[in-house]
């Protein structure tokens, strides 16, 4: 196995407040991680460090076996796929779905005067098909539903065959049908041996796709629990993370958490 992300004794402080507090975490290339925690737990900061968009106050962060601060950050980011609401806001509304995916080959947002080889076009068309976007290829990004936009952004993120894929709340704001469709596709992608390491941030255990292997639970910038989902995603660990008791159930790889009734 190859290590793709390692945080060692990381503290991240702003305005005198430790957003991450002496945090250790390691991700291997064959693993698919879910990051769970309440608002303000430090999940967004973890994503910023993993993409090289910020640096720790103390401790070290190694991304794709390169230490932040000692590597060309632009070269590093080209090896990472990222899907977030911030990514969505940067996409021109009049960009076609095909060009949205294709332009990832040049790391630009908005088709201009770039040249694309036939291999790039074939790659884009293959990925459009994999994420059920072929019929939407000529539609503009601004006309898509929320679910279609999320799938288009994921297709763009995997266009360059990244070594690590980061998904920041990919199913947020989706209706039930769109959410389930997206989770089914993410589940299939996660279970492929050819997929990269994956890290997905979410607030809800119901949004964990089958095929994800590990979970990190964080609260107030500290790790509450980390490890294989089957062993680590427990009612007691959820209570420690969210500060209230839960009843946790699992059916066919899908989880449900409900507050435990007061006696």
Protein backbone atom coordinates (compact mmCIF):
# COMPACT_ATOMS: atom_id res chain seq x y z
CA UNK A 1 0.00 0.00 0.00
CA UNK A 2 1.03 3.59 -0.67
CA UNK A 3 0.36 6.38 1.78
CA UNK A 4 -1.53 9.25 0.12
CA UNK A 5 -2.17 11.46 3.14
CA UNK A 6 -0.53 11.68 6.55
CA UNK A 7 -1.14 14.30 9.22
CA UNK A 8 1.29 14.08 12.13
CA UNK A 9 0.61 16.03 15.34
CA UNK A 10 -1.14 18.74 13.33
CA UNK A 11 -2.45 21.87 15.00
CA UNK A 12 -4.21 24.55 12.96
CA UNK A 13 -4.95 27.76 14.86
CA UNK A 14 -6.62 30.99 13.82
CA UNK A 15 -7.27 34.02 16.02
CA UNK A 16 -6.00 32.12 19.03
CA UNK A 17 -8.38 29.19 18.51
CA UNK A 18 -7.19 25.68 17.68
CA UNK A 19 -9.42 24.45 14.84
CA UNK A 20 -7.35 21.25 14.68
CA UNK A 21 -5.67 20.17 17.91
CA UNK A 22 -2.68 17.78 17.74
CA UNK A 23 -4.42 15.61 15.16
CA UNK A 24 -2.94 12.42 13.66
CA UNK A 25 -4.47 10.70 10.62
CA UNK A 26 -3.21 8.50 7.80
CA UNK A 27 -4.84 7.37 4.53
CA UNK A 28 -3.60 4.60 2.21
CA UNK A 29 -4.25 4.40 -1.52
CA UNK A 30 -6.66 1.44 -1.25
CA UNK A 31 -8.83 3.10 1.41
CA UNK A 32 -12.08 5.05 1.06
CA UNK A 33 -12.64 7.28 4.09
CA UNK A 34 -15.70 9.08 5.40
CA UNK A 35 -15.12 12.08 7.68
CA UNK A 36 -17.97 12.69 10.14
CA UNK A 37 -18.40 15.45 12.68
CA UNK A 38 -20.58 18.38 13.73
CA UNK A 39 -20.29 21.88 12.32
CA UNK A 40 -17.05 23.48 13.45
CA UNK A 41 -15.32 20.15 14.02
CA UNK A 42 -12.50 20.95 11.58
CA UNK A 43 -13.66 18.95 8.54
CA UNK A 44 -13.27 21.82 6.07
CA UNK A 45 -9.80 22.59 7.41
CA UNK A 46 -8.81 18.95 6.87
CA UNK A 47 -9.87 19.28 3.22
CA UNK A 48 -7.83 22.46 2.82
CA UNK A 49 -4.72 20.75 4.17
CA UNK A 50 -5.28 17.64 2.04
CA UNK A 51 -5.42 19.77 -1.12
CA UNK A 52 -2.50 21.98 -0.16
CA UNK A 53 -4.74 25.05 0.01
CA UNK A 54 -3.54 25.80 3.53
CA UNK A 55 -0.75 24.83 5.91
CA UNK A 56 -0.72 23.65 9.53
CA UNK A 57 0.35 25.93 12.35
CA UNK A 58 2.43 23.09 13.77
CA UNK A 59 3.01 19.48 12.81
CA UNK A 60 3.49 18.04 9.33
CA UNK A 61 1.22 17.16 6.41
CA UNK A 62 2.40 14.73 3.73
CA UNK A 63 0.26 14.56 0.59
CA UNK A 64 1.03 11.90 -2.02
CA UNK A 65 4.36 11.30 -0.25
CA UNK A 66 5.35 14.97 -0.47
CA UNK A 67 5.56 17.31 2.50
CA UNK A 68 3.61 20.56 2.35
CA UNK A 69 6.07 23.42 2.22
CA UNK A 70 8.65 21.40 0.29
CA UNK A 71 6.89 20.78 -3.02
CA UNK A 72 5.51 22.74 -5.97
CA UNK A 73 1.92 23.03 -4.78
CA UNK A 74 0.54 23.48 -8.30
CA UNK A 75 2.08 20.21 -9.45
CA UNK A 76 0.64 18.50 -6.38
CA UNK A 77 -2.90 19.80 -6.94
CA UNK A 78 -2.91 18.41 -10.48
CA UNK A 79 -2.79 14.93 -8.90
CA UNK A 80 -5.80 15.51 -6.65
CA UNK A 81 -9.49 15.55 -7.61
CA UNK A 82 -11.72 17.85 -5.56
CA UNK A 83 -15.50 18.28 -5.52
CA UNK A 84 -16.92 21.05 -3.35
CA UNK A 85 -19.50 23.83 -3.39
CA UNK A 86 -16.64 26.28 -4.03
CA UNK A 87 -15.76 24.34 -7.19
CA UNK A 88 -19.35 24.62 -8.39
CA UNK A 89 -19.41 28.40 -7.93
CA UNK A 90 -16.38 28.84 -10.19
CA UNK A 91 -17.91 27.04 -13.19
CA UNK A 92 -19.38 29.38 -15.85
CA UNK A 93 -23.13 28.85 -16.14
CA UNK A 94 -22.89 28.70 -19.95
CA UNK A 95 -20.20 26.00 -19.99
CA UNK A 96 -21.33 22.78 -21.62
CA UNK A 97 -21.12 19.60 -19.58
CA UNK A 98 -18.71 18.08 -22.10
CA UNK A 99 -16.40 21.09 -21.89
CA UNK A 100 -16.74 21.15 -18.12
CA UNK A 101 -15.21 17.68 -18.01
CA UNK A 102 -12.77 18.18 -20.88
CA UNK A 103 -11.21 21.38 -19.51
CA UNK A 104 -9.99 19.49 -16.45
CA UNK A 105 -7.20 18.21 -18.72
CA UNK A 106 -5.76 21.76 -18.68
CA UNK A 107 -6.90 22.63 -15.14
CA UNK A 108 -9.02 25.52 -16.39
CA UNK A 109 -12.64 26.43 -15.73
CA UNK A 110 -14.19 27.63 -18.96
CA UNK A 111 -13.25 26.60 -22.51
CA UNK A 112 -11.05 29.14 -24.26
CA UNK A 113 -8.28 28.49 -26.80
CA UNK A 114 -6.81 25.28 -25.40
CA UNK A 115 -5.94 22.39 -27.67
CA UNK A 116 -7.21 18.93 -26.76
CA UNK A 117 -5.89 15.70 -28.21
CA UNK A 118 -8.18 12.92 -29.38
CA UNK A 119 -7.23 10.92 -26.29
CA UNK A 120 -8.58 13.75 -24.10
CA UNK A 121 -11.89 13.79 -25.96
CA UNK A 122 -12.24 10.01 -25.73
CA UNK A 123 -11.43 10.12 -22.03
CA UNK A 124 -14.06 12.81 -21.44
CA UNK A 125 -16.70 10.87 -23.38
CA UNK A 126 -15.91 7.69 -21.44
CA UNK A 127 -16.27 9.46 -18.12
CA UNK A 128 -19.49 11.15 -19.20
CA UNK A 129 -20.90 7.70 -19.91
CA UNK A 130 -19.69 6.30 -16.57
CA UNK A 131 -21.49 9.03 -14.63
CA UNK A 132 -24.65 8.82 -16.78
CA UNK A 133 -24.09 12.23 -18.36
CA UNK A 134 -23.89 11.39 -22.06
CA UNK A 135 -27.39 12.70 -22.77
CA UNK A 136 -26.51 15.92 -20.93
CA UNK A 137 -23.17 16.51 -22.67
CA UNK A 138 -24.40 19.48 -24.72
CA UNK A 139 -26.46 21.03 -21.92
CA UNK A 140 -25.02 24.04 -20.11
CA UNK A 141 -23.98 23.74 -16.50
CA UNK A 142 -26.42 26.45 -15.43
CA UNK A 143 -29.43 24.44 -16.66
CA UNK A 144 -28.63 21.27 -14.69
CA UNK A 145 -30.43 20.10 -11.57
CA UNK A 146 -28.47 19.89 -8.31
CA UNK A 147 -28.01 16.14 -8.73
CA UNK A 148 -26.82 16.50 -12.31
CA UNK A 149 -24.37 19.21 -11.28
CA UNK A 150 -22.88 17.02 -8.56
CA UNK A 151 -22.35 14.15 -11.01
CA UNK A 152 -20.83 16.54 -13.57
CA UNK A 153 -18.40 17.91 -10.99
CA UNK A 154 -17.34 14.41 -9.97
CA UNK A 155 -16.82 13.51 -13.63
CA UNK A 156 -14.60 16.57 -14.00
CA UNK A 157 -12.65 15.63 -10.86
CA UNK A 158 -11.83 12.13 -12.13
CA UNK A 159 -11.04 13.25 -15.71
CA UNK A 160 -7.29 13.41 -15.01
CA UNK A 161 -7.10 10.05 -13.17
CA UNK A 162 -6.24 11.63 -9.80
CA UNK A 163 -4.34 9.72 -7.14
CA UNK A 164 -6.70 11.00 -4.45
CA UNK A 165 -10.34 12.12 -4.75
CA UNK A 166 -11.83 14.48 -2.15
CA UNK A 167 -15.60 14.89 -1.91
CA UNK A 168 -16.85 17.68 0.36
CA UNK A 169 -20.51 16.92 1.16
CA UNK A 170 -21.33 15.65 -2.36
CA UNK A 171 -24.96 14.82 -1.57
CA UNK A 172 -25.80 18.01 0.35
CA UNK A 173 -28.98 19.77 -0.88
CA UNK A 174 -30.11 16.82 -3.01
CA UNK A 175 -33.62 15.42 -2.90
CA UNK A 176 -34.08 11.78 -1.93
CA UNK A 177 -34.05 10.40 -5.46
CA UNK A 178 -31.02 12.41 -6.58
CA UNK A 179 -29.18 11.54 -3.38
CA UNK A 180 -29.78 7.82 -3.76
CA UNK A 181 -28.77 7.84 -7.41
CA UNK A 182 -25.53 9.64 -6.57
CA UNK A 183 -24.75 7.33 -3.63
CA UNK A 184 -25.29 4.26 -5.82
CA UNK A 185 -22.79 5.61 -8.35
CA UNK A 186 -20.28 6.58 -5.66
CA UNK A 187 -20.65 3.12 -4.15
CA UNK A 188 -19.81 1.46 -7.47
CA UNK A 189 -16.87 3.79 -8.00
CA UNK A 190 -15.55 3.21 -4.48
CA UNK A 191 -15.61 -0.55 -4.92
CA UNK A 192 -13.59 -0.51 -8.14
CA UNK A 193 -9.95 -1.57 -7.59
CA UNK A 194 -8.96 1.01 -10.23
CA UNK A 195 -10.38 3.98 -8.32
CA UNK A 196 -8.10 6.32 -6.36
CA UNK A 197 -8.05 6.78 -2.61
CA UNK A 198 -11.23 8.62 -1.62
CA UNK A 199 -12.12 10.94 1.26
CA UNK A 200 -15.72 12.08 1.64
CA UNK A 201 -16.94 14.63 4.18
CA UNK A 202 -20.55 14.35 5.35
CA UNK A 203 -22.73 15.19 8.34
CA UNK A 204 -24.98 12.14 8.06
CA UNK A 205 -24.31 8.40 8.36
CA UNK A 206 -27.21 7.85 5.93
CA UNK A 207 -25.02 9.38 3.21
CA UNK A 208 -22.18 6.86 3.54
CA UNK A 209 -22.05 4.81 0.30
CA UNK A 210 -21.43 1.07 0.60
CA UNK A 211 -17.85 0.39 -0.43
CA UNK A 212 -16.33 3.05 1.80
CA UNK A 213 -13.94 1.28 4.11
CA UNK A 214 -12.93 3.65 6.93
CA UNK A 215 -14.37 6.43 9.05
CA UNK A 216 -12.80 9.37 10.88
CA UNK A 217 -14.93 10.99 13.59
CA UNK A 218 -13.84 14.47 14.69
CA UNK A 219 -15.08 16.91 17.31
CA UNK A 220 -13.53 20.26 18.26
CA UNK A 221 -10.52 19.53 16.07
CA UNK A 222 -9.70 16.26 17.79
CA UNK A 223 -10.05 12.66 16.63
CA UNK A 224 -12.76 10.84 18.53
CA UNK A 225 -12.28 7.59 16.64
CA UNK A 226 -10.71 6.39 13.38
CA UNK A 227 -10.53 3.03 11.63
CA UNK A 228 -12.51 0.49 9.61
CA UNK A 229 -16.19 1.43 9.41
CA UNK A 230 -17.47 -1.93 10.68
CA UNK A 231 -15.48 -1.54 13.90
CA UNK A 232 -15.42 2.24 14.36
CA UNK A 233 -18.87 3.51 13.39
CA UNK A 234 -20.64 2.71 16.66
CA UNK A 235 -23.38 4.35 18.69
CA UNK A 236 -20.94 5.17 21.47
CA UNK A 237 -18.48 6.84 19.06
CA UNK A 238 -21.32 8.85 17.49
CA UNK A 239 -22.37 9.99 20.96
CA UNK A 240 -18.83 11.09 21.75
CA UNK A 241 -18.68 12.97 18.43
CA UNK A 242 -22.10 14.64 18.35
CA UNK A 243 -22.78 14.91 22.08
CA UNK A 244 -26.03 12.95 22.24
CA UNK A 245 -27.01 9.26 22.40
CA UNK A 246 -27.98 7.46 19.19
CA UNK A 247 -29.44 4.19 18.05
CA UNK A 248 -27.37 3.05 15.07
CA UNK A 249 -28.53 0.42 12.60
CA UNK A 250 -26.90 -1.08 9.49
CA UNK A 251 -28.70 -2.78 6.59
CA UNK A 252 -26.85 -3.99 3.48
CA UNK A 253 -24.00 -1.57 4.04
CA UNK A 254 -26.21 1.47 4.68
CA UNK A 255 -26.39 3.13 8.09
CA UNK A 256 -29.12 4.97 9.96
CA UNK A 257 -28.72 6.96 13.16
CA UNK A 258 -31.67 8.09 15.29
CA UNK A 259 -31.55 9.91 18.61
CA UNK A 260 -32.18 7.52 21.46
CA UNK A 261 -35.56 8.24 23.09
CA UNK A 262 -35.46 9.82 26.53
CA UNK A 263 -36.70 7.57 29.31
